[in-house]
Amino acid sequence: SPVPEDAPAGTVVALLKVRDRDSGENGQVSCELWGEAPLSIVASSGGSYKVVTSSALDREQAAEHRVTVVASDRGRPALSSRAALVLEVSDVNDN
């Protein structure tokens, strides 16, 4: 669902759960965001992550933001998985 453009920085826009059934380093996973957007990813407990706004949103500049979430394990060779994330920004009356 769309996030209003007046949402404060730190607003949670997505919750993610990642897991790798391997053991040891092969089972340790980290996530990052690829792309240009006012978003950041924050690790929680048990393989959970939150995608939060890192700055103010402005619908007049961008009505949506597209990023890629990349989850990688620490195995050798490292394996990864990607998923697209689209954040729609809803308009707030600026008058």
PDB file of N, CA and C in Angstrom:
ATOM      1  N   SER A   1       0.842  -1.178   0.000  1.00  0.00           N
ATOM      2  CA  SER A   1       0.000   0.000   0.000  1.00  0.00           C
ATOM      3  C   SER A   1       0.885   1.237   0.000  1.00  0.00           C
ATOM      4  N   PRO A   2       0.406   2.314  -0.578  1.00  0.00           N
ATOM      5  CA  PRO A   2       1.216   3.530  -0.696  1.00  0.00           C
ATOM      6  C   PRO A   2       1.582   4.130   0.667  1.00  0.00           C
ATOM      7  N   VAL A   3       2.729   4.803   0.689  1.00  0.00           N
ATOM      8  CA  VAL A   3       3.197   5.505   1.877  1.00  0.00           C
ATOM      9  C   VAL A   3       2.996   6.993   1.619  1.00  0.00           C
ATOM     10  N   PRO A   4       2.369   7.729   2.549  1.00  0.00           N
ATOM     11  CA  PRO A   4       2.161   9.156   2.320  1.00  0.00           C
ATOM     12  C   PRO A   4       3.483   9.919   2.287  1.00  0.00           C
ATOM     13  N   GLU A   5       3.522  10.950   1.450  1.00  0.00           N
ATOM     14  CA  GLU A   5       4.762  11.703   1.296  1.00  0.00           C
ATOM     15  C   GLU A   5       5.173  12.452   2.556  1.00  0.00           C
ATOM     16  N   ASP A   6       4.274  12.613   3.521  1.00  0.00           N
ATOM     17  CA  ASP A   6       4.648  13.288   4.762  1.00  0.00           C
ATOM     18  C   ASP A   6       5.052  12.306   5.868  1.00  0.00           C
ATOM     19  N   ALA A   7       5.268  11.048   5.510  1.00  0.00           N
ATOM     20  CA  ALA A   7       5.707  10.055   6.495  1.00  0.00           C
ATOM     21  C   ALA A   7       7.092  10.445   7.013  1.00  0.00           C
ATOM     22  N   PRO A   8       7.303  10.390   8.331  1.00  0.00           N
ATOM     23  CA  PRO A   8       8.606  10.776   8.880  1.00  0.00           C
ATOM     24  C   PRO A   8       9.686   9.751   8.536  1.00  0.00           C
ATOM     25  N   ALA A   9      10.937  10.198   8.564  1.00  0.00           N
ATOM     26  CA  ALA A   9      12.062   9.285   8.379  1.00  0.00           C
ATOM     27  C   ALA A   9      11.988   8.207   9.454  1.00  0.00           C
ATOM     28  N   GLY A  10      12.289   6.984   9.068  1.00  0.00           N
ATOM     29  CA  GLY A  10      12.207   5.865   9.992  1.00  0.00           C
ATOM     30  C   GLY A  10      10.901   5.094   9.913  1.00  0.00           C
ATOM     31  N   THR A  11       9.996   5.513   9.027  1.00  0.00           N
ATOM     32  CA  THR A  11       8.730   4.809   8.849  1.00  0.00           C
ATOM     33  C   THR A  11       8.984   3.445   8.204  1.00  0.00           C
ATOM     34  N   VAL A  12       8.451   2.396   8.813  1.00  0.00           N
ATOM     35  CA  VAL A  12       8.612   1.046   8.263  1.00  0.00           C
ATOM     36  C   VAL A  12       7.698   0.891   7.055  1.00  0.00           C
ATOM     37  N   VAL A  13       8.284   0.504   5.918  1.00  0.00           N
ATOM     38  CA  VAL A  13       7.503   0.337   4.692  1.00  0.00           C
ATOM     39  C   VAL A  13       7.429  -1.127   4.259  1.00  0.00           C
ATOM     40  N   ALA A  14       8.288  -1.985   4.815  1.00  0.00           N
ATOM     41  CA  ALA A  14       8.247  -3.416   4.482  1.00  0.00           C
ATOM     42  C   ALA A  14       8.942  -4.212   5.573  1.00  0.00           C
ATOM     43  N   LEU A  15       8.436  -5.405   5.807  1.00  0.00           N
ATOM     44  CA  LEU A  15       9.063  -6.364   6.715  1.00  0.00           C
ATOM     45  C   LEU A  15       9.480  -7.573   5.897  1.00  0.00           C
ATOM     46  N   LEU A  16      10.709  -8.020   6.092  1.00  0.00           N
ATOM     47  CA  LEU A  16      11.245  -9.136   5.326  1.00  0.00           C
ATOM     48  C   LEU A  16      11.727 -10.228   6.271  1.00  0.00           C
ATOM     49  N   LYS A  17      11.596 -11.451   5.850  1.00  0.00           N
ATOM     50  CA  LYS A  17      12.109 -12.595   6.599  1.00  0.00           C
ATOM     51  C   LYS A  17      12.969 -13.399   5.632  1.00  0.00           C
ATOM     52  N   VAL A  18      14.237 -13.574   5.962  1.00  0.00           N
ATOM     53  CA  VAL A  18      15.131 -14.363   5.118  1.00  0.00           C
ATOM     54  C   VAL A  18      15.663 -15.532   5.929  1.00  0.00           C
ATOM     55  N   ARG A  19      15.920 -16.634   5.221  1.00  0.00           N
ATOM     56  CA  ARG A  19      16.499 -17.777   5.904  1.00  0.00           C
ATOM     57  C   ARG A  19      17.270 -18.621   4.905  1.00  0.00           C
ATOM     58  N   ASP A  20      18.225 -19.310   5.444  1.00  0.00           N
ATOM     59  CA  ASP A  20      19.039 -20.231   4.680  1.00  0.00           C
ATOM     60  C   ASP A  20      19.138 -21.491   5.529  1.00  0.00           C
ATOM     61  N   ARG A  21      18.736 -22.604   4.998  1.00  0.00           N
ATOM     62  CA  ARG A  21      18.676 -23.847   5.775  1.00  0.00           C
ATOM     63  C   ARG A  21      20.040 -24.494   5.978  1.00  0.00           C
ATOM     64  N   ASP A  22      21.082 -23.936   5.369  1.00  0.00           N
ATOM     65  CA  ASP A  22      22.422 -24.474   5.570  1.00  0.00           C
ATOM     66  C   ASP A  22      22.900 -24.197   6.994  1.00  0.00           C
ATOM     67  N   SER A  23      23.981 -24.875   7.383  1.00  0.00           N
ATOM     68  CA  SER A  23      24.563 -24.641   8.706  1.00  0.00           C
ATOM     69  C   SER A  23      25.874 -23.875   8.558  1.00  0.00           C
ATOM     70  N   GLY A  24      26.387 -23.368   9.662  1.00  0.00           N
ATOM     71  CA  GLY A  24      27.651 -22.636   9.659  1.00  0.00           C
ATOM     72  C   GLY A  24      27.561 -21.349   8.859  1.00  0.00           C
ATOM     73  N   GLU A  25      28.711 -20.978   8.269  1.00  0.00           N
ATOM     74  CA  GLU A  25      28.749 -19.740   7.483  1.00  0.00           C
ATOM     75  C   GLU A  25      27.793 -19.784   6.300  1.00  0.00           C
ATOM     76  N   ASN A  26      27.579 -20.946   5.744  1.00  0.00           N
ATOM     77  CA  ASN A  26      26.666 -21.064   4.600  1.00  0.00           C
ATOM     78  C   ASN A  26      25.245 -20.669   4.973  1.00  0.00           C
ATOM     79  N   GLY A  27      24.892 -20.730   6.246  1.00  0.00           N
ATOM     80  CA  GLY A  27      23.545 -20.388   6.699  1.00  0.00           C
ATOM     81  C   GLY A  27      23.409 -18.968   7.206  1.00  0.00           C
ATOM     82  N   GLN A  28      24.513 -18.225   7.278  1.00  0.00           N
ATOM     83  CA  GLN A  28      24.458 -16.836   7.738  1.00  0.00           C
ATOM     84  C   GLN A  28      24.146 -15.931   6.548  1.00  0.00           C
ATOM     85  N   VAL A  29      23.076 -15.157   6.685  1.00  0.00           N
ATOM     86  CA  VAL A  29      22.586 -14.344   5.568  1.00  0.00           C
ATOM     87  C   VAL A  29      22.609 -12.868   5.942  1.00  0.00           C
ATOM     88  N   SER A  30      22.947 -12.035   4.981  1.00  0.00           N
ATOM     89  CA  SER A  30      22.848 -10.590   5.152  1.00  0.00           C
ATOM     90  C   SER A  30      22.042 -10.028   3.988  1.00  0.00           C
ATOM     91  N   CYS A  31      21.401  -8.890   4.221  1.00  0.00           N
ATOM     92  CA  CYS A  31      20.577  -8.246   3.193  1.00  0.00           C
ATOM     93  C   CYS A  31      21.062  -6.826   2.940  1.00  0.00           C
ATOM     94  N   GLU A  32      20.896  -6.390   1.714  1.00  0.00           N
ATOM     95  CA  GLU A  32      21.190  -5.007   1.364  1.00  0.00           C
ATOM     96  C   GLU A  32      20.230  -4.557   0.278  1.00  0.00           C
ATOM     97  N   LEU A  33      20.138  -3.235   0.117  1.00  0.00           N
ATOM     98  CA  LEU A  33      19.289  -2.647  -0.929  1.00  0.00           C
ATOM     99  C   LEU A  33      20.168  -2.135  -2.052  1.00  0.00           C
ATOM    100  N   TRP A  34      19.775  -2.429  -3.272  1.00  0.00           N
ATOM    101  CA  TRP A  34      20.433  -1.881  -4.451  1.00  0.00           C
ATOM    102  C   TRP A  34      19.461  -0.928  -5.123  1.00  0.00           C
ATOM    103  N   GLY A  35      19.956   0.229  -5.497  1.00  0.00           N
ATOM    104  CA  GLY A  35      19.129   1.210  -6.191  1.00  0.00           C
ATOM    105  C   GLY A  35      19.130   2.532  -5.456  1.00  0.00           C
ATOM    106  N   GLU A  36      18.657   3.541  -6.150  1.00  0.00           N
ATOM    107  CA  GLU A  36      18.586   4.889  -5.606  1.00  0.00           C
ATOM    108  C   GLU A  36      17.202   5.140  -5.044  1.00  0.00           C
ATOM    109  N   ALA A  37      17.104   5.263  -3.733  1.00  0.00           N
ATOM    110  CA  ALA A  37      15.820   5.538  -3.090  1.00  0.00           C
ATOM    111  C   ALA A  37      16.102   5.993  -1.667  1.00  0.00           C
ATOM    112  N   PRO A  38      15.202   6.792  -1.107  1.00  0.00           N
ATOM    113  CA  PRO A  38      15.376   7.240   0.282  1.00  0.00           C
ATOM    114  C   PRO A  38      14.951   6.143   1.270  1.00  0.00           C
ATOM    115  N   LEU A  39      15.559   4.953   1.120  1.00  0.00           N
ATOM    116  CA  LEU A  39      15.220   3.805   1.946  1.00  0.00           C
ATOM    117  C   LEU A  39      16.491   3.181   2.495  1.00  0.00           C
ATOM    118  N   SER A  40      16.370   2.522   3.627  1.00  0.00           N
ATOM    119  CA  SER A  40      17.473   1.749   4.176  1.00  0.00           C
ATOM    120  C   SER A  40      16.905   0.463   4.760  1.00  0.00           C
ATOM    121  N   ILE A  41      17.790  -0.491   4.984  1.00  0.00           N
ATOM    122  CA  ILE A  41      17.368  -1.779   5.527  1.00  0.00           C
ATOM    123  C   ILE A  41      18.030  -1.965   6.887  1.00  0.00           C
ATOM    124  N   VAL A  42      17.236  -2.427   7.856  1.00  0.00           N
ATOM    125  CA  VAL A  42      17.694  -2.564   9.236  1.00  0.00           C
ATOM    126  C   VAL A  42      17.448  -4.007   9.668  1.00  0.00           C
ATOM    127  N   ALA A  43      18.493  -4.646  10.193  1.00  0.00           N
ATOM    128  CA  ALA A  43      18.359  -6.020  10.667  1.00  0.00           C
ATOM    129  C   ALA A  43      17.603  -6.042  11.990  1.00  0.00           C
ATOM    130  N   SER A  44      16.721  -7.015  12.128  1.00  0.00           N
ATOM    131  CA  SER A  44      16.019  -7.280  13.380  1.00  0.00           C
ATOM    132  C   SER A  44      16.507  -8.639  13.869  1.00  0.00           C
ATOM    133  N   SER A  45      15.736  -9.294  14.677  1.00  0.00           N
ATOM    134  CA  SER A  45      16.156 -10.585  15.208  1.00  0.00           C
ATOM    135  C   SER A  45      15.668 -11.739  14.342  1.00  0.00           C
ATOM    136  N   GLY A  46      16.390 -12.856  14.392  1.00  0.00           N
ATOM    137  CA  GLY A  46      15.943 -14.082  13.761  1.00  0.00           C
ATOM    138  C   GLY A  46      15.774 -14.034  12.257  1.00  0.00           C
ATOM    139  N   GLY A  47      16.637 -13.316  11.544  1.00  0.00           N
ATOM    140  CA  GLY A  47      16.537 -13.260  10.092  1.00  0.00           C
ATOM    141  C   GLY A  47      15.488 -12.302   9.575  1.00  0.00           C
ATOM    142  N   SER A  48      14.980 -11.444  10.440  1.00  0.00           N
ATOM    143  CA  SER A  48      13.995 -10.448  10.015  1.00  0.00           C
ATOM    144  C   SER A  48      14.698  -9.127   9.708  1.00  0.00           C
ATOM    145  N   TYR A  49      14.148  -8.423   8.749  1.00  0.00           N
ATOM    146  CA  TYR A  49      14.668  -7.115   8.359  1.00  0.00           C
ATOM    147  C   TYR A  49      13.506  -6.165   8.178  1.00  0.00           C
ATOM    148  N   LYS A  50      13.774  -4.879   8.421  1.00  0.00           N
ATOM    149  CA  LYS A  50      12.797  -3.819   8.167  1.00  0.00           C
ATOM    150  C   LYS A  50      13.363  -2.902   7.103  1.00  0.00           C
ATOM    151  N   VAL A  51      12.527  -2.547   6.139  1.00  0.00           N
ATOM    152  CA  VAL A  51      12.877  -1.515   5.173  1.00  0.00           C
ATOM    153  C   VAL A  51      12.193  -0.246   5.661  1.00  0.00           C
ATOM    154  N   VAL A  52      12.988   0.802   5.903  1.00  0.00           N
ATOM    155  CA  VAL A  52      12.470   2.042   6.471  1.00  0.00           C
ATOM    156  C   VAL A  52      12.849   3.218   5.581  1.00  0.00           C
ATOM    157  N   THR A  53      12.069   4.286   5.710  1.00  0.00           N
ATOM    158  CA  THR A  53      12.426   5.519   4.997  1.00  0.00           C
ATOM    159  C   THR A  53      13.637   6.133   5.690  1.00  0.00           C
ATOM    160  N   SER A  54      14.585   6.615   4.907  1.00  0.00           N
ATOM    161  CA  SER A  54      15.783   7.215   5.481  1.00  0.00           C
ATOM    162  C   SER A  54      15.756   8.735   5.408  1.00  0.00           C
ATOM    163  N   SER A  55      14.807   9.272   4.660  1.00  0.00           N
ATOM    164  CA  SER A  55      14.637  10.720   4.562  1.00  0.00           C
ATOM    165  C   SER A  55      13.211  10.994   4.103  1.00  0.00           C
ATOM    166  N   ALA A  56      12.900  12.262   3.963  1.00  0.00           N
ATOM    167  CA  ALA A  56      11.550  12.653   3.550  1.00  0.00           C
ATOM    168  C   ALA A  56      11.259  12.183   2.125  1.00  0.00           C
ATOM    169  N   LEU A  57       9.996  11.890   1.875  1.00  0.00           N
ATOM    170  CA  LEU A  57       9.535  11.515   0.541  1.00  0.00           C
ATOM    171  C   LEU A  57       8.866  12.718  -0.106  1.00  0.00           C
ATOM    172  N   ASP A  58       8.975  12.847  -1.409  1.00  0.00           N
ATOM    173  CA  ASP A  58       8.332  13.945  -2.126  1.00  0.00           C
ATOM    174  C   ASP A  58       7.708  13.374  -3.400  1.00  0.00           C
ATOM    175  N   ARG A  59       6.380  13.271  -3.396  1.00  0.00           N
ATOM    176  CA  ARG A  59       5.691  12.659  -4.532  1.00  0.00           C
ATOM    177  C   ARG A  59       5.872  13.467  -5.810  1.00  0.00           C
ATOM    178  N   GLU A  60       6.045  14.771  -5.693  1.00  0.00           N
ATOM    179  CA  GLU A  60       6.240  15.594  -6.879  1.00  0.00           C
ATOM    180  C   GLU A  60       7.573  15.263  -7.556  1.00  0.00           C
ATOM    181  N   GLN A  61       8.554  14.785  -6.821  1.00  0.00           N
ATOM    182  CA  GLN A  61       9.833  14.389  -7.415  1.00  0.00           C
ATOM    183  C   GLN A  61       9.808  12.951  -7.912  1.00  0.00           C
ATOM    184  N   ALA A  62       9.146  12.060  -7.152  1.00  0.00           N
ATOM    185  CA  ALA A  62       9.069  10.647  -7.541  1.00  0.00           C
ATOM    186  C   ALA A  62       7.815  10.029  -6.939  1.00  0.00           C
ATOM    187  N   ALA A  63       6.940   9.514  -7.799  1.00  0.00           N
ATOM    188  CA  ALA A  63       5.700   8.896  -7.335  1.00  0.00           C
ATOM    189  C   ALA A  63       5.929   7.472  -6.851  1.00  0.00           C
ATOM    190  N   GLU A  64       7.074   6.889  -7.228  1.00  0.00           N
ATOM    191  CA  GLU A  64       7.425   5.564  -6.741  1.00  0.00           C
ATOM    192  C   GLU A  64       8.941   5.411  -6.732  1.00  0.00           C
ATOM    193  N   HIS A  65       9.391   4.500  -5.897  1.00  0.00           N
ATOM    194  CA  HIS A  65      10.815   4.180  -5.799  1.00  0.00           C
ATOM    195  C   HIS A  65      10.960   2.681  -5.991  1.00  0.00           C
ATOM    196  N   ARG A  66      11.939   2.288  -6.809  1.00  0.00           N
ATOM    197  CA  ARG A  66      12.192   0.870  -7.075  1.00  0.00           C
ATOM    198  C   ARG A  66      13.600   0.523  -6.588  1.00  0.00           C
ATOM    199  N   VAL A  67      13.672  -0.509  -5.774  1.00  0.00           N
ATOM    200  CA  VAL A  67      14.953  -1.010  -5.301  1.00  0.00           C
ATOM    201  C   VAL A  67      14.947  -2.538  -5.424  1.00  0.00           C
ATOM    202  N   THR A  68      16.112  -3.110  -5.304  1.00  0.00           N
ATOM    203  CA  THR A  68      16.256  -4.554  -5.289  1.00  0.00           C
ATOM    204  C   THR A  68      16.812  -4.961  -3.938  1.00  0.00           C
ATOM    205  N   VAL A  69      16.161  -5.918  -3.297  1.00  0.00           N
ATOM    206  CA  VAL A  69      16.650  -6.483  -2.050  1.00  0.00           C
ATOM    207  C   VAL A  69      17.514  -7.678  -2.415  1.00  0.00           C
ATOM    208  N   VAL A  70      18.758  -7.673  -1.924  1.00  0.00           N
ATOM    209  CA  VAL A  70      19.680  -8.763  -2.215  1.00  0.00           C
ATOM    210  C   VAL A  70      20.052  -9.442  -0.904  1.00  0.00           C
ATOM    211  N   ALA A  71      19.762 -10.741  -0.816  1.00  0.00           N
ATOM    212  CA  ALA A  71      20.123 -11.547   0.350  1.00  0.00           C
ATOM    213  C   ALA A  71      21.263 -12.469  -0.069  1.00  0.00           C
ATOM    214  N   SER A  72      22.375 -12.423   0.672  1.00  0.00           N
ATOM    215  CA  SER A  72      23.547 -13.235   0.341  1.00  0.00           C
ATOM    216  C   SER A  72      23.990 -14.018   1.561  1.00  0.00           C
ATOM    217  N   ASP A  73      24.440 -15.260   1.320  1.00  0.00           N
ATOM    218  CA  ASP A  73      24.979 -16.024   2.441  1.00  0.00           C
ATOM    219  C   ASP A  73      26.496 -15.833   2.498  1.00  0.00           C
ATOM    220  N   ARG A  74      27.123 -16.399   3.519  1.00  0.00           N
ATOM    221  CA  ARG A  74      28.563 -16.220   3.701  1.00  0.00           C
ATOM    222  C   ARG A  74      29.346 -17.446   3.257  1.00  0.00           C
ATOM    223  N   GLY A  75      28.715 -18.319   2.489  1.00  0.00           N
ATOM    224  CA  GLY A  75      29.398 -19.513   2.002  1.00  0.00           C
ATOM    225  C   GLY A  75      30.410 -19.182   0.928  1.00  0.00           C
ATOM    226  N   ARG A  76      31.186 -20.190   0.571  1.00  0.00           N
ATOM    227  CA  ARG A  76      32.169 -20.046  -0.503  1.00  0.00           C
ATOM    228  C   ARG A  76      31.873 -21.111  -1.530  1.00  0.00           C
ATOM    229  N   PRO A  77      31.406 -20.814  -2.688  1.00  0.00           N
ATOM    230  CA  PRO A  77      31.068 -19.470  -3.165  1.00  0.00           C
ATOM    231  C   PRO A  77      29.768 -18.971  -2.526  1.00  0.00           C
ATOM    232  N   ALA A  78      29.680 -17.668  -2.389  1.00  0.00           N
ATOM    233  CA  ALA A  78      28.484 -17.059  -1.804  1.00  0.00           C
ATOM    234  C   ALA A  78      27.312 -17.188  -2.780  1.00  0.00           C
ATOM    235  N   LEU A  79      26.160 -17.532  -2.241  1.00  0.00           N
ATOM    236  CA  LEU A  79      24.940 -17.593  -3.036  1.00  0.00           C
ATOM    237  C   LEU A  79      24.059 -16.421  -2.652  1.00  0.00           C
ATOM    238  N   SER A  80      23.260 -15.949  -3.594  1.00  0.00           N
ATOM    239  CA  SER A  80      22.398 -14.805  -3.301  1.00  0.00           C
ATOM    240  C   SER A  80      21.058 -14.975  -3.995  1.00  0.00           C
ATOM    241  N   SER A  81      20.109 -14.196  -3.505  1.00  0.00           N
ATOM    242  CA  SER A  81      18.770 -14.160  -4.077  1.00  0.00           C
ATOM    243  C   SER A  81      18.327 -12.706  -4.122  1.00  0.00           C
ATOM    244  N   ARG A  82      17.549 -12.359  -5.122  1.00  0.00           N
ATOM    245  CA  ARG A  82      17.104 -10.971  -5.297  1.00  0.00           C
ATOM    246  C   ARG A  82      15.589 -10.916  -5.402  1.00  0.00           C
ATOM    247  N   ALA A  83      15.052  -9.792  -4.934  1.00  0.00           N
ATOM    248  CA  ALA A  83      13.618  -9.533  -5.069  1.00  0.00           C
ATOM    249  C   ALA A  83      13.421  -8.040  -5.290  1.00  0.00           C
ATOM    250  N   ALA A  84      12.502  -7.691  -6.177  1.00  0.00           N
ATOM    251  CA  ALA A  84      12.198  -6.282  -6.451  1.00  0.00           C
ATOM    252  C   ALA A  84      11.230  -5.757  -5.403  1.00  0.00           C
ATOM    253  N   LEU A  85      11.436  -4.512  -5.011  1.00  0.00           N
ATOM    254  CA  LEU A  85      10.563  -3.838  -4.053  1.00  0.00           C
ATOM    255  C   LEU A  85      10.182  -2.494  -4.651  1.00  0.00           C
ATOM    256  N   VAL A  86       8.887  -2.233  -4.736  1.00  0.00           N
ATOM    257  CA  VAL A  86       8.386  -0.965  -5.279  1.00  0.00           C
ATOM    258  C   VAL A  86       7.641  -0.246  -4.175  1.00  0.00           C
ATOM    259  N   LEU A  87       8.063   0.979  -3.880  1.00  0.00           N
ATOM    260  CA  LEU A  87       7.409   1.812  -2.885  1.00  0.00           C
ATOM    261  C   LEU A  87       6.627   2.895  -3.613  1.00  0.00           C
ATOM    262  N   GLU A  88       5.307   2.871  -3.460  1.00  0.00           N
ATOM    263  CA  GLU A  88       4.463   3.907  -4.042  1.00  0.00           C
ATOM    264  C   GLU A  88       4.282   5.010  -3.014  1.00  0.00           C
ATOM    265  N   VAL A  89       4.383   6.252  -3.461  1.00  0.00           N
ATOM    266  CA  VAL A  89       4.244   7.416  -2.593  1.00  0.00           C
ATOM    267  C   VAL A  89       2.909   8.080  -2.885  1.00  0.00           C
ATOM    268  N   SER A  90       2.094   8.261  -1.841  1.00  0.00           N
ATOM    269  CA  SER A  90       0.804   8.910  -2.049  1.00  0.00           C
ATOM    270  C   SER A  90       0.921  10.402  -1.765  1.00  0.00           C
ATOM    271  N   ASP A  91       0.085  11.168  -2.443  1.00  0.00           N
ATOM    272  CA  ASP A  91       0.105  12.625  -2.348  1.00  0.00           C
ATOM    273  C   ASP A  91      -0.583  13.092  -1.066  1.00  0.00           C
ATOM    274  N   VAL A  92      -0.025  14.155  -0.496  1.00  0.00           N
ATOM    275  CA  VAL A  92      -0.647  14.844   0.628  1.00  0.00           C
ATOM    276  C   VAL A  92      -0.850  16.283   0.174  1.00  0.00           C
ATOM    277  N   ASN A  93      -2.006  16.825   0.476  1.00  0.00           N
ATOM    278  CA  ASN A  93      -2.306  18.193   0.057  1.00  0.00           C
ATOM    279  C   ASN A  93      -1.264  19.137   0.643  1.00  0.00           C
ATOM    280  N   ASP A  94      -0.463  19.762  -0.230  1.00  0.00           N
ATOM    281  CA  ASP A  94       0.598  20.662   0.215  1.00  0.00           C
ATOM    282  C   ASP A  94       0.128  22.089   0.463  1.00  0.00           C
ATOM    283  N   ASN A  95      -1.127  22.384   0.134  1.00  0.00           N
ATOM    284  CA  ASN A  95      -1.616  23.758   0.291  1.00  0.00           C
ATOM    285  C   ASN A  95      -1.993  24.059   1.733  1.00  0.00           C
TER     286      ASN A  95
END
